[in-house]
């Protein structure tokens, strides 16, 4: 397009499915460079995810320890503990992220313009 430089933005999420997750965002003129940079940033930003129980403390922790809320712009996301065997009740993208973090059962609730990136 006239006068505009095309740039590609890559979002990469990494997780070990056992309580750790990282997110990387990189912008570049080439797709491969953006992805490579996002992977490096995701590996550098790995954080531990607290897991807990719903009800009896039998077996390994499987859900979020308590109701938690996060906000970015107009979007408010709430994670709610769920009983064992429920699975992750969520939209496809948060479901992948929670699975990567090692959470097996969780209810989610999102408000605001969730289609924006």
C-alpha atoms as a PDB file:
ATOM      1  CA  UNK A   1       0.000   0.000   0.000  1.00  0.00           C
ATOM      2  CA  UNK A   2       1.132   3.528  -0.698  1.00  0.00           C
ATOM      3  CA  UNK A   3       3.637   4.822   1.833  1.00  0.00           C
ATOM      4  CA  UNK A   4       3.089   2.013   4.340  1.00  0.00           C
ATOM      5  CA  UNK A   5       5.632  -0.591   5.342  1.00  0.00           C
ATOM      6  CA  UNK A   6       4.155  -4.059   5.788  1.00  0.00           C
ATOM      7  CA  UNK A   7       5.031  -5.584   9.162  1.00  0.00           C
ATOM      8  CA  UNK A   8       4.090  -8.916  10.666  1.00  0.00           C
ATOM      9  CA  UNK A   9       3.265  -9.445  14.323  1.00  0.00           C
ATOM     10  CA  UNK A  10       3.750 -12.901  15.834  1.00  0.00           C
ATOM     11  CA  UNK A  11       2.256 -14.110  19.125  1.00  0.00           C
ATOM     12  CA  UNK A  12       3.830 -17.275  20.580  1.00  0.00           C
ATOM     13  CA  UNK A  13       2.693 -19.130  23.698  1.00  0.00           C
ATOM     14  CA  UNK A  14       4.798 -21.892  25.245  1.00  0.00           C
ATOM     15  CA  UNK A  15       4.040 -24.152  28.190  1.00  0.00           C
ATOM     16  CA  UNK A  16       5.189 -27.391  29.778  1.00  0.00           C
ATOM     17  CA  UNK A  17       1.633 -28.589  30.686  1.00  0.00           C
ATOM     18  CA  UNK A  18       2.888 -28.712  34.298  1.00  0.00           C
ATOM     19  CA  UNK A  19       2.459 -25.261  35.830  1.00  0.00           C
ATOM     20  CA  UNK A  20       4.589 -22.981  33.610  1.00  0.00           C
ATOM     21  CA  UNK A  21       3.618 -20.740  30.697  1.00  0.00           C
ATOM     22  CA  UNK A  22       5.249 -17.982  28.634  1.00  0.00           C
ATOM     23  CA  UNK A  23       3.957 -15.507  26.047  1.00  0.00           C
ATOM     24  CA  UNK A  24       6.054 -13.692  23.451  1.00  0.00           C
ATOM     25  CA  UNK A  25       5.105 -10.940  20.979  1.00  0.00           C
ATOM     26  CA  UNK A  26       7.415  -9.741  18.199  1.00  0.00           C
ATOM     27  CA  UNK A  27       6.932  -7.456  15.218  1.00  0.00           C
ATOM     28  CA  UNK A  28       9.141  -7.693  12.121  1.00  0.00           C
ATOM     29  CA  UNK A  29       9.261  -7.130   8.364  1.00  0.00           C
ATOM     30  CA  UNK A  30       9.519 -10.892   7.736  1.00  0.00           C
ATOM     31  CA  UNK A  31       7.264 -13.630   9.112  1.00  0.00           C
ATOM     32  CA  UNK A  32      10.087 -16.039  10.019  1.00  0.00           C
ATOM     33  CA  UNK A  33      12.028 -13.350  11.900  1.00  0.00           C
ATOM     34  CA  UNK A  34       8.915 -12.329  13.835  1.00  0.00           C
ATOM     35  CA  UNK A  35       8.167 -15.941  14.844  1.00  0.00           C
ATOM     36  CA  UNK A  36      11.786 -16.613  15.832  1.00  0.00           C
ATOM     37  CA  UNK A  37      11.909 -13.460  17.969  1.00  0.00           C
ATOM     38  CA  UNK A  38       8.537 -14.242  19.583  1.00  0.00           C
ATOM     39  CA  UNK A  39       9.743 -17.742  20.543  1.00  0.00           C
ATOM     40  CA  UNK A  40      12.840 -16.264  22.229  1.00  0.00           C
ATOM     41  CA  UNK A  41      10.716 -13.694  24.109  1.00  0.00           C
ATOM     42  CA  UNK A  42       8.224 -16.399  25.155  1.00  0.00           C
ATOM     43  CA  UNK A  43      11.037 -18.542  26.585  1.00  0.00           C
ATOM     44  CA  UNK A  44      12.379 -15.531  28.503  1.00  0.00           C
ATOM     45  CA  UNK A  45       8.965 -14.683  29.976  1.00  0.00           C
ATOM     46  CA  UNK A  46       8.045 -18.090  31.459  1.00  0.00           C
ATOM     47  CA  UNK A  47       6.160 -17.733  34.755  1.00  0.00           C
ATOM     48  CA  UNK A  48       4.828 -20.290  37.266  1.00  0.00           C
ATOM     49  CA  UNK A  49       1.061 -20.853  37.420  1.00  0.00           C
ATOM     50  CA  UNK A  50      -0.489 -21.636  40.816  1.00  0.00           C
ATOM     51  CA  UNK A  51      -2.831 -24.597  40.731  1.00  0.00           C
ATOM     52  CA  UNK A  52      -5.259 -25.775  43.378  1.00  0.00           C
ATOM     53  CA  UNK A  53      -8.128 -28.089  44.235  1.00  0.00           C
ATOM     54  CA  UNK A  54     -11.901 -27.900  44.098  1.00  0.00           C
ATOM     55  CA  UNK A  55     -13.200 -29.682  47.180  1.00  0.00           C
ATOM     56  CA  UNK A  56     -11.094 -32.600  48.487  1.00  0.00           C
ATOM     57  CA  UNK A  57      -7.307 -32.355  48.277  1.00  0.00           C
ATOM     58  CA  UNK A  58      -6.929 -35.805  46.695  1.00  0.00           C
ATOM     59  CA  UNK A  59      -4.429 -36.371  43.900  1.00  0.00           C
ATOM     60  CA  UNK A  60      -2.582 -33.597  42.072  1.00  0.00           C
ATOM     61  CA  UNK A  61      -3.853 -29.989  41.826  1.00  0.00           C
ATOM     62  CA  UNK A  62      -6.136 -29.696  38.797  1.00  0.00           C
ATOM     63  CA  UNK A  63      -7.757 -26.231  38.763  1.00  0.00           C
ATOM     64  CA  UNK A  64      -7.104 -22.591  39.686  1.00  0.00           C
ATOM     65  CA  UNK A  65      -6.776 -22.088  43.476  1.00  0.00           C
ATOM     66  CA  UNK A  66      -9.466 -19.345  43.699  1.00  0.00           C
ATOM     67  CA  UNK A  67     -11.535 -17.021  41.517  1.00  0.00           C
ATOM     68  CA  UNK A  68      -9.126 -14.707  39.684  1.00  0.00           C
ATOM     69  CA  UNK A  69      -9.782 -11.720  37.428  1.00  0.00           C
ATOM     70  CA  UNK A  70      -7.589 -10.024  34.820  1.00  0.00           C
ATOM     71  CA  UNK A  71      -8.236  -6.843  32.849  1.00  0.00           C
ATOM     72  CA  UNK A  72      -6.720  -5.380  29.683  1.00  0.00           C
ATOM     73  CA  UNK A  73      -8.489  -2.518  27.922  1.00  0.00           C
ATOM     74  CA  UNK A  74     -12.235  -3.177  27.970  1.00  0.00           C
ATOM     75  CA  UNK A  75     -11.816  -6.949  28.321  1.00  0.00           C
ATOM     76  CA  UNK A  76     -12.273  -8.566  31.736  1.00  0.00           C
ATOM     77  CA  UNK A  77     -11.451 -12.281  32.007  1.00  0.00           C
ATOM     78  CA  UNK A  78     -12.396 -14.313  35.080  1.00  0.00           C
ATOM     79  CA  UNK A  79     -11.123 -17.810  35.898  1.00  0.00           C
ATOM     80  CA  UNK A  80     -13.310 -19.840  38.251  1.00  0.00           C
ATOM     81  CA  UNK A  81     -12.326 -23.165  39.898  1.00  0.00           C
ATOM     82  CA  UNK A  82     -14.201 -26.233  38.639  1.00  0.00           C
ATOM     83  CA  UNK A  83     -14.693 -29.776  39.991  1.00  0.00           C
ATOM     84  CA  UNK A  84     -12.461 -32.587  38.749  1.00  0.00           C
ATOM     85  CA  UNK A  85     -13.603 -33.995  35.390  1.00  0.00           C
ATOM     86  CA  UNK A  86     -15.295 -30.794  34.182  1.00  0.00           C
ATOM     87  CA  UNK A  87     -12.594 -29.901  31.672  1.00  0.00           C
ATOM     88  CA  UNK A  88     -11.874 -26.344  30.572  1.00  0.00           C
ATOM     89  CA  UNK A  89     -15.107 -24.497  29.763  1.00  0.00           C
ATOM     90  CA  UNK A  90     -13.754 -21.719  27.573  1.00  0.00           C
ATOM     91  CA  UNK A  91     -13.281 -20.289  24.097  1.00  0.00           C
ATOM     92  CA  UNK A  92     -10.660 -22.089  21.928  1.00  0.00           C
ATOM     93  CA  UNK A  93      -7.693 -19.720  22.520  1.00  0.00           C
ATOM     94  CA  UNK A  94      -7.917 -19.430  26.342  1.00  0.00           C
ATOM     95  CA  UNK A  95      -8.529 -23.197  26.424  1.00  0.00           C
ATOM     96  CA  UNK A  96      -5.159 -23.806  24.705  1.00  0.00           C
ATOM     97  CA  UNK A  97      -3.370 -21.410  27.082  1.00  0.00           C
ATOM     98  CA  UNK A  98      -4.894 -22.983  30.209  1.00  0.00           C
ATOM     99  CA  UNK A  99      -4.055 -26.471  28.912  1.00  0.00           C
ATOM    100  CA  UNK A 100      -0.436 -25.399  28.296  1.00  0.00           C
ATOM    101  CA  UNK A 101      -0.328 -24.071  31.868  1.00  0.00           C
ATOM    102  CA  UNK A 102      -1.339 -27.493  33.213  1.00  0.00           C
ATOM    103  CA  UNK A 103      -4.858 -26.611  34.349  1.00  0.00           C
ATOM    104  CA  UNK A 104      -7.294 -29.469  33.676  1.00  0.00           C
ATOM    105  CA  UNK A 105     -10.598 -28.074  35.015  1.00  0.00           C
ATOM    106  CA  UNK A 106     -11.689 -24.434  34.933  1.00  0.00           C
ATOM    107  CA  UNK A 107     -14.676 -22.224  34.132  1.00  0.00           C
ATOM    108  CA  UNK A 108     -13.983 -18.940  32.316  1.00  0.00           C
ATOM    109  CA  UNK A 109     -15.972 -15.763  31.865  1.00  0.00           C
ATOM    110  CA  UNK A 110     -15.065 -12.878  29.526  1.00  0.00           C
ATOM    111  CA  UNK A 111     -16.661  -9.423  29.194  1.00  0.00           C
ATOM    112  CA  UNK A 112     -15.915  -6.547  26.844  1.00  0.00           C
ATOM    113  CA  UNK A 113     -14.753  -6.530  23.239  1.00  0.00           C
ATOM    114  CA  UNK A 114     -13.026  -9.928  23.251  1.00  0.00           C
ATOM    115  CA  UNK A 115     -12.527  -9.987  19.457  1.00  0.00           C
ATOM    116  CA  UNK A 116      -9.746  -7.371  19.670  1.00  0.00           C
ATOM    117  CA  UNK A 117      -6.112  -8.385  19.922  1.00  0.00           C
END
